[in-house]
Amino acid sequence: MCKIGFENRIANCSRRTGYPNNPTSMRIRVIISISLLVLSVQCTRRNDTSAPLQAVSDAVLTVGAAQFERYLPALSGKSVALVVNHTSMVGETHLADTLKALGINLVRIFAPEHGFRGTADPGEHVEDSVDRRLGLPVVSLYGDNRKPKPDQIEDIDFVIFDIQDVGTRFYTYISTLHYVMEACAESDKKLIVLDRPNPNAYVDGPTLQPAFKSFVGMHPIPVVHGVTVGELAQMINGEGWLGDSAKCELEVVPVSNWSRSEFYSCPVRPSPNLPDDQSIRLYPSLCFFEGTVISVGRGTQTPFQVIGNPLLKDMPYRFTPVSIEGMMKNPPFENEVCYGIDLRNATVERRLNLQYVIDMYNAYPDKKNFFTGYFNTLAGNEILRTQIEEGASEETIRESWQPGLQRYMEMREKYLMYP
């Protein structure tokens, strides 16, 4: 929004409310004006979990970042750091731009995997930088360090976390959340989490075993954890998962008018290779392939919607990964024809579909080299690989998950904020 239009809205708000022109009332008018300017994020309600993920928008929700009246007054006159990326949008405006326009003292930005603008490749080392548009230093939490250092937050009063998650244990934004919480706890800083809906709001998959803790699995939770970032932050605090069982001073600004039974369509792609709803919904099931020789379509316009390998020539679908700037510069099997399966129009249920991995393992001619060491890291145990290699059915494997899932569901109940 242009500066003139913004000022005119404030002036109109002043005339409507009758507030006098003094500094205190001006701040109130700014808050009210910004609240009026919020473009509510759209979601679609879909309670039939077995139906195709194609729907029209028929409900409105408000993300935590859009609820300015809940957190903006506390930021006045304070020093603020943001943990944000390209998904931290309120309508058409980035949260950082909005807060800076309101005169909030933004000191620095902390950026997760893929960087502040969301353009870095998966796993790509991201350097510290200065964002030219905002004129703010950007500290990478996916480079030389993954946890804010004491001298990077000692001059901060509040840290704000606002990033769209996709509900899986191995999605690294929640690992960044963990380390930010730990840093805040150690430095006595308050963290405000601006919550967003979870597009995969169900619970499924094996629970992480402690020996397999890594940056793609930091908590003893299932692959599909079924909570929002705000709920998970409360869980991390409540279960004592931070270093030395520390507690972070935490406030969560919840989403309004959202239920976890609703289908949520992310207005911005959460990361470069999750371009749309189909990719996001298939991601929990297909990410296991990152620990195998099977391509998940990186280097195509439909990553996490097609799977294949050059040796599977009997498979019905073919695709050729190529370098794509802004998505994947060096994809696996670059410029090689891969044969596999097309899932672009597949029906996606609200459950982890392990049959994809089982079927591709059975079809691959060199089974000894199908898995890589990374598979156990993603699974969070060494049992799943053994079960697949020994020919266990999906039903048998899923049954082995149930004790862990039951314990998790009972624990999770304490932290749920949404119906």
Protein backbone atom coordinates (compact mmCIF):
# COMPACT_ATOMS: atom_id res chain seq x y z
CA MET A 1 0.00 0.00 0.00
CA CYS A 2 1.30 3.49 -0.84
CA LYS A 3 2.05 5.96 1.96
CA ILE A 4 -0.66 8.41 0.92
CA GLY A 5 -3.34 5.73 0.91
CA PHE A 6 -2.22 4.55 4.34
CA GLU A 7 -2.37 8.07 5.80
CA ASN A 8 -5.79 8.68 4.29
CA ARG A 9 -7.13 5.51 5.93
CA ILE A 10 -5.82 6.72 9.31
CA ALA A 11 -7.42 10.12 8.79
CA ASN A 12 -10.74 8.50 7.89
CA CYS A 13 -10.51 6.31 10.96
CA SER A 14 -9.92 9.42 13.09
CA ARG A 15 -13.04 11.12 11.73
CA ARG A 16 -15.17 8.02 12.30
CA THR A 17 -14.01 7.41 15.87
CA GLY A 18 -13.74 11.02 16.98
CA TYR A 19 -10.32 10.49 18.57
CA PRO A 20 -8.39 13.70 19.31
CA ASN A 21 -5.08 14.33 17.58
CA ASN A 22 -2.54 13.45 20.26
CA PRO A 23 0.28 10.88 20.24
CA THR A 24 -1.49 8.28 22.39
CA SER A 25 -4.71 8.36 20.43
CA MET A 26 -2.75 8.39 17.17
CA ARG A 27 -1.19 5.06 18.14
CA ILE A 28 -4.64 3.65 18.89
CA ARG A 29 -5.94 4.92 15.55
CA VAL A 30 -3.02 3.30 13.77
CA ILE A 31 -3.82 -0.04 15.39
CA ILE A 32 -7.49 0.27 14.44
CA SER A 33 -6.64 1.37 10.92
CA ILE A 34 -4.26 -1.51 10.35
CA SER A 35 -6.84 -3.95 11.67
CA LEU A 36 -9.30 -2.56 9.13
CA LEU A 37 -6.76 -3.02 6.36
CA VAL A 38 -6.13 -6.69 7.01
CA LEU A 39 -7.04 -8.92 4.11
CA SER A 40 -8.26 -12.07 5.81
CA VAL A 41 -6.64 -15.32 4.70
CA GLN A 42 -9.02 -17.70 2.97
CA CYS A 43 -9.45 -21.33 3.80
CA THR A 44 -11.70 -24.08 2.54
CA ARG A 45 -13.77 -26.36 4.73
CA ARG A 46 -13.45 -30.03 3.84
CA ASN A 47 -14.61 -32.52 6.43
CA ASP A 48 -14.70 -35.45 3.99
CA THR A 49 -11.07 -36.50 4.50
CA SER A 50 -11.09 -39.03 1.66
CA ALA A 51 -12.29 -36.55 -0.99
CA PRO A 52 -9.98 -35.00 -3.61
CA LEU A 53 -8.31 -31.84 -2.37
CA GLN A 54 -10.14 -29.55 -4.74
CA ALA A 55 -12.53 -27.06 -3.19
CA VAL A 56 -13.70 -23.48 -3.37
CA SER A 57 -13.26 -21.02 -0.53
CA ASP A 58 -16.32 -20.74 1.67
CA ALA A 59 -15.00 -19.54 5.04
CA VAL A 60 -12.79 -16.79 6.43
CA LEU A 61 -10.19 -17.05 9.17
CA THR A 62 -7.74 -14.61 10.71
CA VAL A 63 -4.14 -15.65 11.30
CA GLY A 64 -2.35 -14.56 14.46
CA ALA A 65 -0.26 -11.96 12.63
CA ALA A 66 -3.43 -10.18 11.50
CA GLN A 67 -4.70 -9.72 15.04
CA PHE A 68 -2.72 -6.56 15.72
CA GLU A 69 -4.73 -5.56 18.76
CA ARG A 70 -3.47 -8.69 20.53
CA TYR A 71 0.23 -7.89 20.34
CA LEU A 72 0.97 -4.47 18.83
CA PRO A 73 0.46 -2.39 22.02
CA ALA A 74 3.17 -4.39 23.84
CA LEU A 75 5.71 -3.61 21.11
CA SER A 76 5.45 0.17 21.37
CA GLY A 77 8.81 1.63 22.37
CA LYS A 78 10.45 -1.81 22.47
CA SER A 79 13.20 -3.46 20.46
CA VAL A 80 11.92 -6.32 18.33
CA ALA A 81 13.48 -9.17 16.37
CA LEU A 82 11.48 -11.18 13.85
CA VAL A 83 11.82 -14.86 12.97
CA VAL A 84 10.10 -14.74 9.60
CA ASN A 85 10.32 -15.73 5.96
CA HIS A 86 8.35 -15.23 2.75
CA THR A 87 5.25 -16.83 4.31
CA SER A 88 4.91 -14.14 6.99
CA MET A 89 2.22 -12.30 5.10
CA VAL A 90 -0.88 -10.46 6.25
CA GLY A 91 -2.98 -10.12 3.13
CA GLU A 92 -0.66 -8.70 0.48
CA THR A 93 1.86 -7.18 2.90
CA HIS A 94 4.79 -8.76 4.71
CA LEU A 95 4.64 -8.53 8.50
CA ALA A 96 8.05 -6.83 8.61
CA ASP A 97 6.93 -4.10 6.22
CA THR A 98 3.78 -3.52 8.23
CA LEU A 99 5.53 -3.29 11.59
CA LYS A 100 8.23 -1.01 10.23
CA ALA A 101 5.59 1.28 8.68
CA LEU A 102 3.94 1.49 12.11
CA GLY A 103 7.15 2.69 13.69
CA ILE A 104 7.95 -0.51 15.58
CA ASN A 105 11.67 -0.67 16.33
CA LEU A 106 12.75 -3.68 14.30
CA VAL A 107 16.37 -4.49 15.12
CA ARG A 108 17.04 -7.64 13.09
CA ILE A 109 15.52 -10.58 11.27
CA PHE A 110 16.29 -14.24 11.89
CA ALA A 111 15.74 -16.44 8.83
CA PRO A 112 15.14 -20.24 8.66
CA GLU A 113 15.98 -22.75 5.93
CA HIS A 114 15.44 -21.28 2.43
CA GLY A 115 16.26 -17.79 3.74
CA PHE A 116 14.24 -14.68 4.50
CA ARG A 117 12.83 -14.41 0.98
CA GLY A 118 12.36 -18.19 0.58
CA THR A 119 14.56 -18.59 -2.49
CA ALA A 120 17.41 -20.83 -1.24
CA ASP A 121 17.49 -24.49 -2.30
CA PRO A 122 16.67 -27.25 0.20
CA GLY A 123 19.66 -27.75 2.47
CA GLU A 124 21.52 -24.81 0.93
CA HIS A 125 23.82 -22.98 3.34
CA VAL A 126 22.39 -19.48 3.86
CA GLU A 127 24.70 -16.60 4.78
CA ASP A 128 23.96 -13.60 6.98
CA SER A 129 23.03 -10.54 4.96
CA VAL A 130 21.28 -7.18 4.94
CA ASP A 131 17.83 -6.90 3.43
CA ARG A 132 18.00 -3.88 1.15
CA ARG A 133 14.29 -3.17 1.13
CA LEU A 134 13.98 -3.07 4.91
CA GLY A 135 17.51 -1.93 5.68
CA LEU A 136 17.74 -4.59 8.39
CA PRO A 137 20.40 -7.20 9.14
CA VAL A 138 19.29 -10.74 8.41
CA VAL A 139 20.83 -13.43 10.62
CA SER A 140 20.68 -16.88 9.06
CA LEU A 141 19.60 -19.76 11.30
CA TYR A 142 20.46 -22.20 8.53
CA GLY A 143 24.10 -21.34 8.06
CA ASP A 144 27.03 -21.31 10.47
CA ASN A 145 24.65 -21.43 13.42
CA ARG A 146 21.07 -22.60 13.88
CA LYS A 147 20.42 -20.94 17.22
CA PRO A 148 20.50 -17.19 17.92
CA LYS A 149 23.66 -16.28 19.83
CA PRO A 150 23.40 -14.31 23.09
CA ASP A 151 24.87 -11.17 21.53
CA GLN A 152 22.27 -11.39 18.74
CA ILE A 153 19.33 -11.03 21.12
CA GLU A 154 20.77 -9.18 24.12
CA ASP A 155 19.52 -5.85 22.74
CA ILE A 156 16.04 -7.29 22.04
CA ASP A 157 12.91 -6.96 24.20
CA PHE A 158 10.63 -9.23 22.15
CA VAL A 159 11.19 -11.95 19.57
CA ILE A 160 8.28 -12.63 17.20
CA PHE A 161 7.96 -15.94 15.35
CA ASP A 162 5.62 -16.02 12.34
CA ILE A 163 6.25 -18.80 9.79
CA GLN A 164 3.86 -21.15 8.00
CA ASP A 165 4.44 -24.81 8.93
CA VAL A 166 3.08 -27.89 7.10
CA GLY A 167 2.61 -30.20 10.06
CA THR A 168 5.45 -32.72 9.66
CA ARG A 169 8.26 -33.55 12.06
CA PHE A 170 10.98 -33.27 9.45
CA TYR A 171 10.00 -29.78 8.22
CA THR A 172 12.82 -27.68 9.67
CA TYR A 173 10.88 -24.53 10.51
CA ILE A 174 9.81 -26.14 13.79
CA SER A 175 13.43 -27.04 14.55
CA THR A 176 14.25 -23.36 14.16
CA LEU A 177 11.37 -22.61 16.54
CA HIS A 178 12.95 -24.94 19.11
CA TYR A 179 16.33 -23.21 18.98
CA VAL A 180 14.77 -19.74 19.10
CA MET A 181 12.80 -20.77 22.19
CA GLU A 182 15.98 -22.11 23.77
CA ALA A 183 17.87 -18.88 23.05
CA CYS A 184 15.02 -16.79 24.47
CA ALA A 185 14.90 -18.92 27.62
CA GLU A 186 18.64 -18.58 28.17
CA SER A 187 18.57 -14.80 27.68
CA ASP A 188 15.28 -14.09 29.50
CA LYS A 189 13.56 -12.75 26.39
CA LYS A 190 9.87 -13.12 25.62
CA LEU A 191 8.79 -14.97 22.48
CA ILE A 192 5.51 -14.16 20.76
CA VAL A 193 4.30 -16.83 18.33
CA LEU A 194 1.82 -15.56 15.75
CA ASP A 195 -0.02 -18.75 14.92
CA ARG A 196 -1.13 -20.06 11.53
CA PRO A 197 -3.27 -23.10 10.61
CA ASN A 198 -1.77 -26.50 9.98
CA PRO A 199 -2.63 -27.77 6.46
CA ASN A 200 -1.93 -31.37 7.58
CA ALA A 201 -3.82 -31.27 10.88
CA TYR A 202 -3.92 -34.98 11.64
CA VAL A 203 -1.68 -37.40 13.55
CA ASP A 204 0.08 -40.36 11.93
CA GLY A 205 3.38 -42.14 11.44
CA PRO A 206 6.15 -43.50 13.67
CA THR A 207 7.19 -41.54 16.74
CA LEU A 208 10.80 -40.32 16.88
CA GLN A 209 13.16 -42.39 18.99
CA PRO A 210 15.70 -40.31 20.97
CA ALA A 211 18.72 -41.91 19.28
CA PHE A 212 17.57 -40.47 15.94
CA LYS A 213 17.20 -36.87 17.06
CA SER A 214 18.43 -34.44 14.38
CA PHE A 215 17.57 -31.10 12.82
CA VAL A 216 14.88 -32.90 10.79
CA GLY A 217 13.47 -34.48 13.94
CA MET A 218 14.06 -32.79 17.28
CA HIS A 219 11.06 -33.93 19.31
CA PRO A 220 9.52 -37.30 20.32
CA ILE A 221 6.49 -36.74 18.11
CA PRO A 222 5.02 -38.62 15.12
CA VAL A 223 5.92 -37.79 11.53
CA VAL A 224 2.57 -35.99 11.18
CA HIS A 225 2.13 -34.23 14.52
CA GLY A 226 -1.29 -32.62 14.11
CA VAL A 227 -0.60 -29.36 15.94
CA THR A 228 0.03 -25.76 14.92
CA VAL A 229 3.31 -23.97 15.57
CA GLY A 230 1.71 -22.25 18.56
CA GLU A 231 0.47 -25.51 20.03
CA LEU A 232 3.86 -27.14 19.46
CA ALA A 233 5.64 -24.22 21.16
CA GLN A 234 3.47 -24.76 24.24
CA MET A 235 4.22 -28.49 24.06
CA ILE A 236 7.97 -27.90 23.86
CA ASN A 237 7.75 -25.69 26.94
CA GLY A 238 5.35 -27.91 28.86
CA GLU A 239 7.18 -31.17 28.22
CA GLY A 240 10.59 -29.75 29.13
CA TRP A 241 12.17 -30.40 25.73
CA LEU A 242 14.43 -27.34 25.77
CA GLY A 243 18.04 -27.67 26.92
CA ASP A 244 18.34 -28.21 30.69
CA SER A 245 14.51 -28.34 30.76
CA ALA A 246 14.45 -24.55 30.47
CA LYS A 247 11.19 -22.65 30.02
CA CYS A 248 10.73 -19.90 27.46
CA GLU A 249 8.49 -16.95 28.34
CA LEU A 250 5.89 -17.53 25.67
CA GLU A 251 2.76 -15.91 24.31
CA VAL A 252 0.75 -17.40 21.44
CA VAL A 253 -1.61 -15.26 19.38
CA PRO A 254 -4.02 -17.89 18.06
CA VAL A 255 -5.79 -18.18 14.73
CA SER A 256 -9.42 -17.17 14.94
CA ASN A 257 -12.25 -19.05 13.21
CA TRP A 258 -10.31 -22.20 12.35
CA SER A 259 -10.85 -25.85 13.20
CA ARG A 260 -8.32 -28.60 12.58
CA SER A 261 -11.04 -30.55 10.77
CA GLU A 262 -11.01 -27.91 8.01
CA PHE A 263 -8.94 -28.08 4.87
CA TYR A 264 -6.56 -25.09 4.88
CA SER A 265 -5.04 -23.83 1.65
CA CYS A 266 -1.78 -21.94 2.20
CA PRO A 267 -1.90 -18.57 0.39
CA VAL A 268 1.90 -18.62 -0.09
CA ARG A 269 3.98 -21.70 -0.93
CA PRO A 270 5.65 -22.67 2.38
CA SER A 271 8.94 -23.55 0.68
CA PRO A 272 10.26 -23.59 -2.90
CA ASN A 273 9.31 -27.21 -3.59
CA LEU A 274 5.83 -27.18 -2.07
CA PRO A 275 4.09 -25.08 -4.73
CA ASP A 276 0.44 -25.96 -4.06
CA ASP A 277 -2.08 -27.92 -1.99
CA GLN A 278 -1.38 -31.23 -3.70
CA SER A 279 2.34 -31.06 -2.91
CA ILE A 280 1.67 -30.04 0.68
CA ARG A 281 -0.79 -32.87 1.26
CA LEU A 282 1.45 -35.50 -0.34
CA TYR A 283 4.59 -34.25 1.40
CA PRO A 284 4.19 -36.31 4.63
CA SER A 285 4.04 -39.53 2.61
CA LEU A 286 6.56 -38.71 -0.11
CA CYS A 287 9.30 -37.09 1.96
CA PHE A 288 10.48 -40.58 2.97
CA PHE A 289 11.77 -40.88 -0.61
CA GLU A 290 14.41 -38.25 0.20
CA GLY A 291 16.15 -41.13 1.98
CA THR A 292 16.03 -43.40 -1.08
CA VAL A 293 17.13 -43.41 -4.72
CA ILE A 294 13.68 -42.27 -5.84
CA SER A 295 13.19 -38.74 -7.16
CA VAL A 296 10.24 -36.79 -5.73
CA GLY A 297 10.12 -34.51 -8.76
CA ARG A 298 12.56 -31.85 -7.64
CA GLY A 299 13.55 -30.11 -10.84
CA THR A 300 9.99 -30.16 -12.21
CA GLN A 301 7.10 -27.74 -11.74
CA THR A 302 5.27 -30.37 -9.66
CA PRO A 303 7.68 -31.53 -6.93
CA PHE A 304 6.22 -33.95 -4.39
CA GLN A 305 3.58 -34.90 -6.92
CA VAL A 306 5.60 -37.22 -9.17
CA ILE A 307 8.03 -39.99 -8.17
CA GLY A 308 10.44 -42.03 -10.22
CA ASN A 309 13.92 -43.24 -11.09
CA PRO A 310 15.80 -43.83 -14.38
CA LEU A 311 15.85 -47.63 -13.76
CA LEU A 312 12.08 -48.04 -13.41
CA LYS A 313 11.39 -48.22 -17.14
CA ASP A 314 8.27 -50.34 -16.73
CA MET A 315 6.53 -47.54 -14.81
CA PRO A 316 3.78 -45.64 -16.72
CA TYR A 317 4.87 -42.00 -16.22
CA ARG A 318 8.06 -40.21 -17.20
CA PHE A 319 9.60 -36.87 -16.25
CA THR A 320 13.01 -35.24 -16.64
CA PRO A 321 14.36 -33.11 -13.77
CA VAL A 322 16.10 -29.91 -14.86
CA SER A 323 17.69 -27.01 -13.03
CA ILE A 324 15.02 -24.48 -11.99
CA GLU A 325 16.14 -21.20 -10.46
CA GLY A 326 14.24 -20.49 -7.27
CA MET A 327 13.16 -24.12 -6.83
CA MET A 328 16.07 -26.54 -7.36
CA LYS A 329 19.31 -25.65 -9.11
CA ASN A 330 20.86 -29.13 -8.98
CA PRO A 331 18.07 -31.72 -8.70
CA PRO A 332 18.73 -35.47 -8.40
CA PHE A 333 18.93 -37.14 -11.85
CA GLU A 334 19.25 -33.77 -13.55
CA ASN A 335 18.55 -34.09 -17.31
CA GLU A 336 17.87 -37.84 -16.95
CA VAL A 337 14.53 -39.39 -17.83
CA CYS A 338 12.85 -40.81 -14.73
CA TYR A 339 10.08 -43.39 -14.92
CA GLY A 340 7.52 -43.63 -12.17
CA ILE A 341 4.08 -42.54 -11.00
CA ASP A 342 2.07 -39.36 -11.57
CA LEU A 343 0.21 -38.24 -8.42
CA ARG A 344 -0.76 -34.77 -9.58
CA ASN A 345 -4.46 -35.66 -9.58
CA ALA A 346 -4.41 -38.42 -7.00
CA THR A 347 -6.92 -38.47 -4.17
CA VAL A 348 -5.10 -37.58 -0.94
CA GLU A 349 -6.51 -38.81 2.34
CA ARG A 350 -5.77 -37.41 5.78
CA ARG A 351 -3.34 -40.18 6.60
CA LEU A 352 0.27 -41.07 5.89
CA ASN A 353 0.33 -43.36 2.86
CA LEU A 354 3.24 -45.75 3.26
CA GLN A 355 2.20 -47.84 0.26
CA TYR A 356 4.06 -45.50 -2.10
CA VAL A 357 7.41 -46.40 -0.50
CA ILE A 358 6.56 -50.11 -0.28
CA ASP A 359 5.52 -50.28 -3.95
CA MET A 360 8.58 -48.41 -5.22
CA TYR A 361 10.89 -50.60 -3.13
CA ASN A 362 9.28 -53.73 -4.55
CA ALA A 363 9.60 -52.38 -8.10
CA TYR A 364 13.21 -51.19 -7.86
CA PRO A 365 15.66 -53.73 -9.33
CA ASP A 366 18.61 -53.00 -7.00
CA LYS A 367 16.96 -53.33 -3.60
CA LYS A 368 20.28 -53.44 -1.75
CA ASN A 369 20.90 -49.83 -2.77
CA PHE A 370 17.33 -48.52 -2.57
CA PHE A 371 17.68 -46.88 0.85
CA THR A 372 20.29 -44.33 1.92
CA GLY A 373 21.40 -43.65 5.48
CA TYR A 374 19.13 -40.62 5.56
CA PHE A 375 15.99 -42.79 5.51
CA ASN A 376 16.33 -43.77 9.19
CA THR A 377 16.86 -40.13 10.10
CA LEU A 378 13.60 -39.16 8.42
CA ALA A 379 11.72 -42.13 9.87
CA GLY A 380 13.07 -41.40 13.33
CA ASN A 381 13.95 -45.06 13.86
CA GLU A 382 15.66 -48.02 12.19
CA ILE A 383 12.61 -50.26 12.39
CA LEU A 384 10.67 -48.90 9.43
CA ARG A 385 13.39 -49.67 6.90
CA THR A 386 13.74 -53.21 8.26
CA GLN A 387 9.98 -53.75 8.12
CA ILE A 388 9.86 -52.71 4.45
CA GLU A 389 12.88 -54.83 3.53
CA GLU A 390 11.34 -57.86 5.23
CA GLY A 391 8.09 -57.48 3.30
CA ALA A 392 5.77 -56.35 6.09
CA SER A 393 2.42 -55.04 4.88
CA GLU A 394 1.37 -51.43 5.41
CA GLU A 395 -1.30 -52.62 7.86
CA THR A 396 1.26 -54.50 9.94
CA ILE A 397 3.63 -51.53 9.96
CA ARG A 398 0.85 -49.10 10.88
CA GLU A 399 -0.18 -51.36 13.76
CA SER A 400 3.35 -51.08 15.19
CA TRP A 401 2.93 -47.31 15.37
CA GLN A 402 -0.18 -47.40 17.54
CA PRO A 403 1.31 -47.52 21.07
CA GLY A 404 3.47 -44.46 20.35
CA LEU A 405 0.60 -42.63 18.68
CA GLN A 406 -1.70 -43.32 21.61
CA ARG A 407 0.81 -41.94 24.12
CA TYR A 408 1.35 -38.88 21.96
CA MET A 409 -2.36 -38.20 21.51
CA GLU A 410 -2.90 -38.29 25.26
CA MET A 411 -0.02 -35.89 25.86
CA ARG A 412 -1.04 -33.61 22.97
CA GLU A 413 -4.49 -33.06 24.45
CA LYS A 414 -3.04 -30.68 27.07
CA TYR A 415 -1.84 -28.22 24.43
CA LEU A 416 -4.66 -28.09 21.88
CA MET A 417 -6.03 -24.61 21.21
CA TYR A 418 -8.44 -25.44 18.38
CA PRO A 419 -11.38 -27.84 18.07
